[in-house]
Amino acid sequence: MTHSKNIGVFITMSRHGGGSYQWVVNVLQVLDDYAQLHNNVTIHMFQYSEYEAADELKSAFPSFFFHEIGKVNHFVMVVLRRVAYIIPFLIPVLRPIFPLNSILAQKQIALVLFPTTNLDSALCNRKHIFFLADIAHVFYPHFPEVSANGQLRLRHILFKYGLSHADQIVVESKQLRNDIARYYQADVTKTDVLYQTFSKTLESYKDEAEIDDEQSDFKRTIPSRYVFYPAQLWQHKNHKNLLYAMKVVIGEIPDLCLVLVGSRKNGDQGIFGLIEELELQNNVKYLGYVPDKFMPILYKNAQALVMPTYFGPTNIPTLEAFHWGCPAVISDLPGSTEQTGDAALLFNPDSPEDIAEKIMLVLKNEDLRQEMVKKGYERLNVLSYENYRNTLFAILDKNLE
């Protein structure tokens, strides 16, 4: 590249978006590195007015240019997205009048990244990269978080038109690349696999030997012996089967607790009702949304990460467990081992008995625990930030030629 290149990033992900937000920040970190190594490249961030994470991102990436999409353009974009939802075959007609495209043209954006999936990517007529983490709605359409209020229709429209229209597709696993080719006829020749890496944001938090007073106070509130599940309280996170499994485990290990963190969601009352029904009130501690600075403490003091989610095949908590030396006991999903290698213990998420068996296996076998921690560290060497960055650099190079 010899002349100036402007890369745009369109971001809507909430700061409380869990692993998806960490994914976004990792992409931004690579873009920052890329711009520092290429003097002719500048990064432009586009978001709606009053985007709640804007100040944090401005502080983290001071070299980026930030642009707010005004309320009028935002309103028009909302209307056109609604039309696209109702009459999806009009999407090619709507693209030329979609306000985001004129905004990108004014800033002479050569390449746009959509690090989280939304319908704006299907309406974008600039050269762009479509990132996605899963198409779990295809396999689990009964979960309300992917089906209620028209969500299932929206997802099918987004992936059908977004994947076919994208100049480049980036997925987190070979399994997902195969799945989008099978279910959405995505072009595998323009689909690259970018294995997720540990969050650069969380990497900055200190070891326990250096924790501050607030972190010390927090540590005193957690149980002495517990397994840990960080997940927003969506139904697909499968807290139900985990609670049934914990009832079995606690029958053999009465002093064990389950610590849950994550934002509450519609319909999550059933989780708390089941805790009472199973008489687990004294063994389950729900902490709600927990700031990042407390996550190292939760992982480092846990007996294991237990993650029975149905969505994947890759997930951020697995990498966090590897990083902080916490054995990972997770759902056996097609493609999961692309992320874990042999460093995690896998169970059938439909079987509370299998979940319980794998938890007890880790808790009762110290040699196994230590071997899992060792393999977790080794797995992170494969899924290093350097490898992640180099892969994304190659994708950017290819699309900026």
Protein backbone atom coordinates (compact mmCIF):
# COMPACT_ATOMS: atom_id res chain seq x y z
CA MET A 1 0.00 0.00 0.00
CA THR A 2 1.44 3.33 -1.05
CA HIS A 3 -1.48 5.75 -0.61
CA SER A 4 -3.65 6.60 2.35
CA LYS A 5 -6.14 3.98 3.51
CA ASN A 6 -9.03 4.59 5.89
CA ILE A 7 -10.46 1.62 7.77
CA GLY A 8 -13.89 2.02 9.30
CA VAL A 9 -15.40 0.10 12.21
CA PHE A 10 -19.13 0.17 12.89
CA ILE A 11 -19.80 -0.69 16.52
CA THR A 12 -23.02 -1.11 18.48
CA MET A 13 -22.05 -3.72 21.09
CA SER A 14 -22.87 -2.79 24.67
CA ARG A 15 -20.10 -2.58 27.25
CA HIS A 16 -22.06 -5.27 29.12
CA GLY A 17 -22.13 -7.57 26.10
CA GLY A 18 -19.96 -10.20 27.73
CA GLY A 19 -17.64 -12.15 25.46
CA SER A 20 -18.93 -10.35 22.37
CA TYR A 21 -17.64 -7.05 23.71
CA GLN A 22 -14.25 -8.61 24.47
CA TRP A 23 -14.18 -9.88 20.87
CA VAL A 24 -14.75 -6.31 19.66
CA VAL A 25 -11.97 -4.90 21.84
CA ASN A 26 -9.52 -7.51 20.57
CA VAL A 27 -10.33 -6.53 16.98
CA LEU A 28 -9.80 -2.88 17.86
CA GLN A 29 -6.47 -3.65 19.50
CA VAL A 30 -5.26 -5.36 16.32
CA LEU A 31 -6.43 -2.40 14.24
CA ASP A 32 -4.49 -0.08 16.54
CA ASP A 33 -1.37 -2.22 16.06
CA TYR A 34 -1.96 -2.31 12.31
CA ALA A 35 -2.24 1.46 12.04
CA GLN A 36 0.94 1.95 14.09
CA LEU A 37 2.84 -0.27 11.65
CA HIS A 38 1.32 1.34 8.55
CA ASN A 39 1.74 5.10 8.50
CA ASN A 40 -0.75 5.43 5.66
CA VAL A 41 -3.59 3.73 7.56
CA THR A 42 -6.08 5.50 9.84
CA ILE A 43 -8.89 3.93 11.87
CA HIS A 44 -12.35 5.50 12.00
CA MET A 45 -14.96 4.43 14.52
CA PHE A 46 -18.66 4.92 13.73
CA GLN A 47 -21.35 4.63 16.38
CA TYR A 48 -24.74 6.04 17.23
CA SER A 49 -25.02 9.08 19.46
CA GLU A 50 -25.04 8.33 23.18
CA TYR A 51 -23.21 5.02 22.64
CA GLU A 52 -22.41 4.08 26.25
CA ALA A 53 -18.92 2.65 25.63
CA ALA A 54 -17.68 5.56 23.49
CA ASP A 55 -15.70 7.34 26.22
CA GLU A 56 -13.99 4.13 27.31
CA LEU A 57 -12.99 3.30 23.74
CA LYS A 58 -11.79 6.85 23.07
CA SER A 59 -9.54 6.58 26.10
CA ALA A 60 -8.24 3.15 25.08
CA PHE A 61 -7.62 4.08 21.44
CA PRO A 62 -6.70 7.78 21.30
CA SER A 63 -5.33 7.55 17.75
CA PHE A 64 -8.72 6.52 16.32
CA PHE A 65 -11.11 9.02 14.76
CA PHE A 66 -14.58 8.75 16.30
CA HIS A 67 -17.74 9.71 14.43
CA GLU A 68 -21.27 9.88 15.79
CA ILE A 69 -24.14 9.04 13.49
CA GLY A 70 -26.65 11.83 14.05
CA LYS A 71 -30.19 11.29 15.19
CA VAL A 72 -31.76 11.99 11.79
CA ASN A 73 -29.53 9.50 10.00
CA HIS A 74 -30.05 7.04 12.84
CA PHE A 75 -33.82 7.37 12.46
CA VAL A 76 -33.63 6.79 8.70
CA MET A 77 -31.40 3.76 9.25
CA VAL A 78 -33.91 2.33 11.72
CA VAL A 79 -36.74 2.81 9.21
CA LEU A 80 -34.79 1.21 6.36
CA ARG A 81 -33.78 -1.72 8.54
CA ARG A 82 -37.47 -2.20 9.33
CA VAL A 83 -38.31 -2.22 5.64
CA ALA A 84 -35.51 -4.74 5.07
CA TYR A 85 -36.96 -6.92 7.80
CA ILE A 86 -40.50 -6.82 6.38
CA ILE A 87 -39.52 -7.08 2.68
CA PRO A 88 -36.00 -8.54 2.61
CA PHE A 89 -35.82 -8.89 -1.16
CA LEU A 90 -35.73 -5.07 -1.28
CA ILE A 91 -32.35 -5.00 0.48
CA PRO A 92 -30.39 -4.44 -2.79
CA VAL A 93 -32.69 -1.48 -3.54
CA LEU A 94 -32.27 -0.03 -0.04
CA ARG A 95 -28.46 -0.09 -0.03
CA PRO A 96 -27.96 3.02 -2.22
CA ILE A 97 -30.10 5.14 0.13
CA PHE A 98 -28.87 3.67 3.43
CA PRO A 99 -27.31 6.69 5.26
CA LEU A 100 -24.33 4.77 6.61
CA ASN A 101 -23.02 4.34 3.08
CA SER A 102 -22.93 8.06 2.32
CA ILE A 103 -21.26 8.69 5.68
CA LEU A 104 -18.57 6.12 4.87
CA ALA A 105 -18.11 7.58 1.40
CA GLN A 106 -17.64 11.09 2.82
CA LYS A 107 -14.85 9.80 5.04
CA GLN A 108 -13.33 7.89 2.10
CA ILE A 109 -13.46 4.60 3.96
CA ALA A 110 -11.73 1.89 1.93
CA LEU A 111 -12.75 -1.04 4.14
CA VAL A 112 -15.43 -1.40 6.82
CA LEU A 113 -15.39 -3.93 9.66
CA PHE A 114 -18.56 -5.12 11.38
CA PRO A 115 -17.08 -6.93 14.42
CA THR A 116 -20.54 -7.89 15.68
CA THR A 117 -23.43 -9.00 13.53
CA ASN A 118 -26.25 -6.57 12.76
CA LEU A 119 -28.46 -5.82 9.78
CA ASP A 120 -26.46 -2.71 8.91
CA SER A 121 -23.79 -4.97 7.42
CA ALA A 122 -26.30 -6.44 4.96
CA LEU A 123 -27.22 -2.88 3.91
CA CYS A 124 -23.62 -1.69 3.53
CA ASN A 125 -22.43 -1.14 -0.05
CA ARG A 126 -18.83 -0.29 0.83
CA LYS A 127 -16.19 -3.02 0.85
CA HIS A 128 -16.62 -4.72 4.20
CA ILE A 129 -15.80 -7.64 6.46
CA PHE A 130 -18.58 -9.58 8.19
CA PHE A 131 -17.55 -11.14 11.53
CA LEU A 132 -19.64 -13.79 13.26
CA ALA A 133 -19.25 -16.05 16.28
CA ASP A 134 -22.08 -18.56 15.82
CA ILE A 135 -25.30 -19.49 14.04
CA ALA A 136 -26.70 -21.28 17.07
CA HIS A 137 -30.21 -20.07 16.19
CA VAL A 138 -30.19 -22.68 13.40
CA PHE A 139 -29.70 -25.51 15.90
CA TYR A 140 -31.59 -24.11 18.89
CA PRO A 141 -34.43 -21.96 17.49
CA HIS A 142 -36.62 -22.65 20.54
CA PHE A 143 -34.63 -20.39 22.84
CA PRO A 144 -36.52 -17.08 23.17
CA GLU A 145 -33.35 -14.97 23.01
CA VAL A 146 -32.95 -16.01 19.36
CA SER A 147 -36.62 -16.43 18.43
CA ALA A 148 -38.84 -14.03 20.41
CA ASN A 149 -40.02 -10.71 18.99
CA GLY A 150 -39.02 -11.62 15.45
CA GLN A 151 -35.40 -12.38 16.33
CA LEU A 152 -35.31 -15.67 14.43
CA ARG A 153 -36.58 -14.07 11.23
CA LEU A 154 -34.13 -11.19 11.68
CA ARG A 155 -31.20 -13.56 12.09
CA HIS A 156 -32.10 -15.57 9.01
CA ILE A 157 -32.40 -12.39 6.95
CA LEU A 158 -29.15 -11.01 8.30
CA PHE A 159 -27.16 -14.15 7.58
CA LYS A 160 -28.76 -14.87 4.22
CA TYR A 161 -28.16 -11.38 2.82
CA GLY A 162 -25.20 -10.37 4.95
CA LEU A 163 -23.05 -13.41 4.20
CA SER A 164 -23.82 -13.42 0.48
CA HIS A 165 -23.08 -9.69 0.17
CA ALA A 166 -19.94 -9.50 2.33
CA ASP A 167 -16.57 -9.06 0.65
CA GLN A 168 -14.90 -11.07 3.41
CA ILE A 169 -16.26 -13.32 6.17
CA VAL A 170 -14.41 -14.00 9.42
CA VAL A 171 -15.45 -16.84 11.73
CA GLU A 172 -14.06 -18.32 14.96
CA SER A 173 -13.77 -21.97 13.89
CA LYS A 174 -13.60 -24.32 10.93
CA GLN A 175 -16.82 -25.86 12.23
CA LEU A 176 -18.59 -22.52 11.84
CA ARG A 177 -17.12 -22.01 8.36
CA ASN A 178 -18.58 -25.37 7.34
CA ASP A 179 -21.91 -24.58 9.00
CA ILE A 180 -22.46 -21.25 7.23
CA ALA A 181 -21.59 -22.89 3.92
CA ARG A 182 -24.14 -25.62 4.61
CA TYR A 183 -27.00 -23.53 6.00
CA TYR A 184 -26.47 -20.18 4.26
CA GLN A 185 -24.46 -21.15 1.19
CA ALA A 186 -21.64 -18.87 2.26
CA ASP A 187 -18.62 -18.82 -0.03
CA VAL A 188 -15.83 -20.70 1.77
CA THR A 189 -13.22 -19.12 -0.52
CA LYS A 190 -13.88 -15.74 1.08
CA THR A 191 -14.25 -17.11 4.64
CA ASP A 192 -11.25 -17.05 6.97
CA VAL A 193 -10.94 -18.61 10.42
CA LEU A 194 -9.71 -16.29 13.18
CA TYR A 195 -9.38 -18.22 16.42
CA GLN A 196 -10.25 -16.08 19.40
CA THR A 197 -7.54 -15.09 21.86
CA PHE A 198 -7.52 -13.96 25.47
CA SER A 199 -8.80 -10.43 26.01
CA LYS A 200 -6.16 -7.70 25.90
CA THR A 201 -8.39 -5.67 28.22
CA LEU A 202 -8.42 -8.32 30.95
CA GLU A 203 -4.69 -8.95 30.52
CA SER A 204 -3.98 -5.64 32.22
CA TYR A 205 -5.41 -6.70 35.59
CA LYS A 206 -2.84 -7.50 38.23
CA ASP A 207 -2.03 -10.79 39.92
CA GLU A 208 -3.63 -11.46 43.30
CA ALA A 209 -0.43 -10.49 45.08
CA GLU A 210 -1.01 -6.92 43.90
CA ILE A 211 -4.76 -6.51 44.29
CA ASP A 212 -6.15 -3.28 45.70
CA ASP A 213 -8.40 -2.81 48.74
CA GLU A 214 -11.61 -3.05 46.73
CA GLN A 215 -10.50 -6.34 45.22
CA SER A 216 -9.47 -7.64 48.65
CA ASP A 217 -12.91 -6.78 50.03
CA PHE A 218 -14.53 -8.55 47.10
CA LYS A 219 -12.42 -11.66 47.65
CA ARG A 220 -13.69 -11.92 51.22
CA THR A 221 -17.29 -12.16 49.95
CA ILE A 222 -16.80 -15.26 47.79
CA PRO A 223 -17.12 -18.81 49.17
CA SER A 224 -14.05 -20.74 50.21
CA ARG A 225 -14.75 -23.60 47.80
CA TYR A 226 -16.75 -23.16 44.62
CA VAL A 227 -17.11 -23.82 40.91
CA PHE A 228 -17.68 -20.81 38.69
CA TYR A 229 -19.95 -19.98 35.74
CA PRO A 230 -19.77 -16.49 34.20
CA ALA A 231 -22.72 -16.06 31.84
CA GLN A 232 -25.62 -13.73 31.29
CA LEU A 233 -28.83 -15.40 32.41
CA TRP A 234 -30.06 -16.41 28.96
CA GLN A 235 -31.84 -19.74 28.65
CA HIS A 236 -29.26 -21.08 26.19
CA LYS A 237 -26.60 -20.74 28.87
CA ASN A 238 -28.23 -23.81 30.41
CA HIS A 239 -28.14 -22.86 34.10
CA LYS A 240 -31.02 -25.31 34.59
CA ASN A 241 -29.01 -28.46 33.91
CA LEU A 242 -26.07 -27.06 35.85
CA LEU A 243 -28.28 -26.64 38.92
CA TYR A 244 -29.56 -30.20 38.60
CA ALA A 245 -25.93 -31.34 38.36
CA MET A 246 -24.96 -29.30 41.40
CA LYS A 247 -27.69 -30.99 43.43
CA VAL A 248 -25.95 -34.31 42.74
CA VAL A 249 -22.45 -32.95 43.39
CA ILE A 250 -23.39 -31.25 46.66
CA GLY A 251 -24.86 -34.54 47.84
CA GLU A 252 -21.27 -35.82 47.85
CA ILE A 253 -19.40 -32.56 48.50
CA PRO A 254 -21.68 -30.56 50.87
CA ASP A 255 -19.33 -27.60 51.29
CA LEU A 256 -19.11 -26.88 47.56
CA CYS A 257 -20.78 -23.75 46.17
CA LEU A 258 -21.67 -22.52 42.71
CA VAL A 259 -20.84 -18.87 41.96
CA LEU A 260 -22.79 -17.27 39.13
CA VAL A 261 -22.09 -13.88 37.54
CA GLY A 262 -23.77 -12.14 34.64
CA SER A 263 -26.60 -9.75 33.85
CA ARG A 264 -30.20 -10.80 34.37
CA LYS A 265 -32.41 -11.39 31.33
CA ASN A 266 -36.12 -11.71 30.63
CA GLY A 267 -37.47 -15.03 31.82
CA ASP A 268 -34.61 -15.76 34.18
CA GLN A 269 -36.95 -16.07 37.18
CA GLY A 270 -37.03 -19.81 36.53
CA ILE A 271 -33.36 -20.06 37.47
CA PHE A 272 -33.96 -18.60 40.92
CA GLY A 273 -37.12 -20.64 41.33
CA LEU A 274 -35.19 -23.83 40.59
CA ILE A 275 -32.52 -22.88 43.14
CA GLU A 276 -35.25 -22.79 45.80
CA GLU A 277 -36.96 -25.93 44.51
CA LEU A 278 -33.70 -27.87 44.74
CA GLU A 279 -32.93 -26.29 48.13
CA LEU A 280 -29.63 -24.90 46.90
CA GLN A 281 -29.99 -21.42 48.40
CA ASN A 282 -26.98 -21.96 50.67
CA ASN A 283 -24.82 -23.37 47.91
CA VAL A 284 -25.48 -20.97 45.04
CA LYS A 285 -24.26 -17.39 45.10
CA TYR A 286 -25.39 -15.03 42.33
CA LEU A 287 -23.28 -11.88 42.12
CA GLY A 288 -24.95 -10.17 39.13
CA TYR A 289 -22.84 -8.21 36.69
CA VAL A 290 -19.24 -8.13 37.97
CA PRO A 291 -16.69 -5.56 36.73
CA ASP A 292 -13.67 -6.90 34.88
CA LYS A 293 -11.26 -6.10 37.71
CA PHE A 294 -12.79 -8.86 39.86
CA MET A 295 -12.64 -11.60 37.24
CA PRO A 296 -9.07 -12.76 37.99
CA ILE A 297 -10.06 -13.30 41.63
CA LEU A 298 -13.10 -15.37 40.68
CA TYR A 299 -11.14 -17.60 38.30
CA LYS A 300 -8.02 -18.00 40.43
CA ASN A 301 -9.96 -19.09 43.51
CA ALA A 302 -12.43 -21.37 41.71
CA GLN A 303 -12.13 -25.14 41.74
CA ALA A 304 -13.19 -25.15 38.10
CA LEU A 305 -14.99 -23.24 35.39
CA VAL A 306 -18.19 -25.14 34.58
CA MET A 307 -19.81 -23.92 31.36
CA PRO A 308 -22.86 -25.88 30.12
CA THR A 309 -23.82 -23.46 27.31
CA TYR A 310 -25.49 -24.71 24.13
CA PHE A 311 -24.01 -21.94 21.98
CA GLY A 312 -20.52 -22.09 20.52
CA PRO A 313 -18.38 -23.87 19.54
CA THR A 314 -15.95 -21.29 20.91
CA ASN A 315 -16.43 -19.21 24.06
CA ILE A 316 -14.43 -16.52 25.83
CA PRO A 317 -14.64 -17.99 29.40
CA THR A 318 -12.65 -21.05 28.29
CA LEU A 319 -9.72 -18.81 27.38
CA GLU A 320 -10.10 -16.84 30.60
CA ALA A 321 -9.94 -20.08 32.60
CA PHE A 322 -6.80 -21.15 30.74
CA HIS A 323 -5.18 -17.77 31.38
CA TRP A 324 -5.89 -17.72 35.13
CA GLY A 325 -5.08 -21.35 35.84
CA CYS A 326 -8.61 -22.60 36.35
CA PRO A 327 -9.57 -26.08 35.08
CA ALA A 328 -12.22 -25.78 32.34
CA VAL A 329 -15.16 -28.20 32.33
CA ILE A 330 -17.37 -27.32 29.38
CA SER A 331 -20.03 -28.42 26.89
CA ASP A 332 -19.00 -30.91 24.24
CA LEU A 333 -20.18 -29.05 21.13
CA PRO A 334 -19.20 -29.81 17.53
CA GLY A 335 -15.96 -27.89 16.99
CA SER A 336 -15.23 -27.16 20.68
CA THR A 337 -11.88 -28.92 20.57
CA GLU A 338 -10.68 -26.49 17.90
CA GLN A 339 -10.45 -24.04 20.78
CA THR A 340 -9.66 -26.31 23.70
CA GLY A 341 -7.43 -29.00 22.22
CA ASP A 342 -7.15 -31.57 25.04
CA ALA A 343 -6.97 -28.92 27.76
CA ALA A 344 -10.64 -29.03 28.86
CA LEU A 345 -12.92 -31.74 30.20
CA LEU A 346 -16.06 -32.04 28.05
CA PHE A 347 -19.59 -33.12 28.99
CA ASN A 348 -22.97 -33.55 27.37
CA PRO A 349 -24.90 -30.33 28.16
CA ASP A 350 -28.20 -32.24 28.02
CA SER A 351 -27.11 -34.55 30.84
CA PRO A 352 -26.98 -33.24 34.43
CA GLU A 353 -25.51 -36.62 35.36
CA ASP A 354 -22.59 -36.20 32.96
CA ILE A 355 -22.04 -32.62 34.10
CA ALA A 356 -21.97 -33.77 37.73
CA GLU A 357 -19.63 -36.65 36.93
CA LYS A 358 -17.12 -34.36 35.20
CA ILE A 359 -17.25 -31.79 38.01
CA MET A 360 -16.54 -34.43 40.63
CA LEU A 361 -13.79 -35.94 38.51
CA VAL A 362 -11.93 -32.63 38.55
CA LEU A 363 -12.62 -31.90 42.21
CA LYS A 364 -11.51 -35.32 43.44
CA ASN A 365 -8.37 -35.73 41.33
CA GLU A 366 -5.70 -33.15 42.10
CA ASP A 367 -3.30 -34.61 39.53
CA LEU A 368 -5.95 -34.18 36.85
CA ARG A 369 -6.55 -30.58 37.95
CA GLN A 370 -2.87 -29.71 37.68
CA GLU A 371 -2.57 -31.42 34.31
CA MET A 372 -5.56 -29.46 33.00
CA VAL A 373 -4.09 -26.17 34.22
CA LYS A 374 -0.77 -27.01 32.53
CA LYS A 375 -2.47 -27.90 29.26
CA GLY A 376 -4.55 -24.72 29.46
CA TYR A 377 -1.41 -22.58 29.58
CA GLU A 378 0.00 -24.54 26.66
CA ARG A 379 -3.19 -24.07 24.67
CA LEU A 380 -2.99 -20.31 25.14
CA ASN A 381 0.42 -20.37 23.47
CA VAL A 382 -1.30 -21.70 20.36
CA LEU A 383 -4.14 -19.18 20.70
CA SER A 384 -1.77 -16.31 21.44
CA TYR A 385 -2.45 -12.68 20.71
CA GLU A 386 0.51 -12.71 18.31
CA ASN A 387 -1.09 -15.48 16.23
CA TYR A 388 -4.46 -13.74 16.38
CA ARG A 389 -2.92 -10.45 15.28
CA ASN A 390 -0.93 -12.01 12.45
CA THR A 391 -4.02 -13.75 11.08
CA LEU A 392 -6.08 -10.57 11.16
CA PHE A 393 -3.18 -8.59 9.68
CA ALA A 394 -3.16 -10.98 6.72
CA ILE A 395 -6.94 -10.54 6.30
CA LEU A 396 -6.57 -6.75 6.33
CA ASP A 397 -3.66 -6.85 3.88
CA LYS A 398 -5.67 -8.98 1.47
CA ASN A 399 -8.68 -6.69 1.59
CA LEU A 400 -6.70 -3.44 1.29
CA GLU A 401 -4.73 -4.46 -1.79
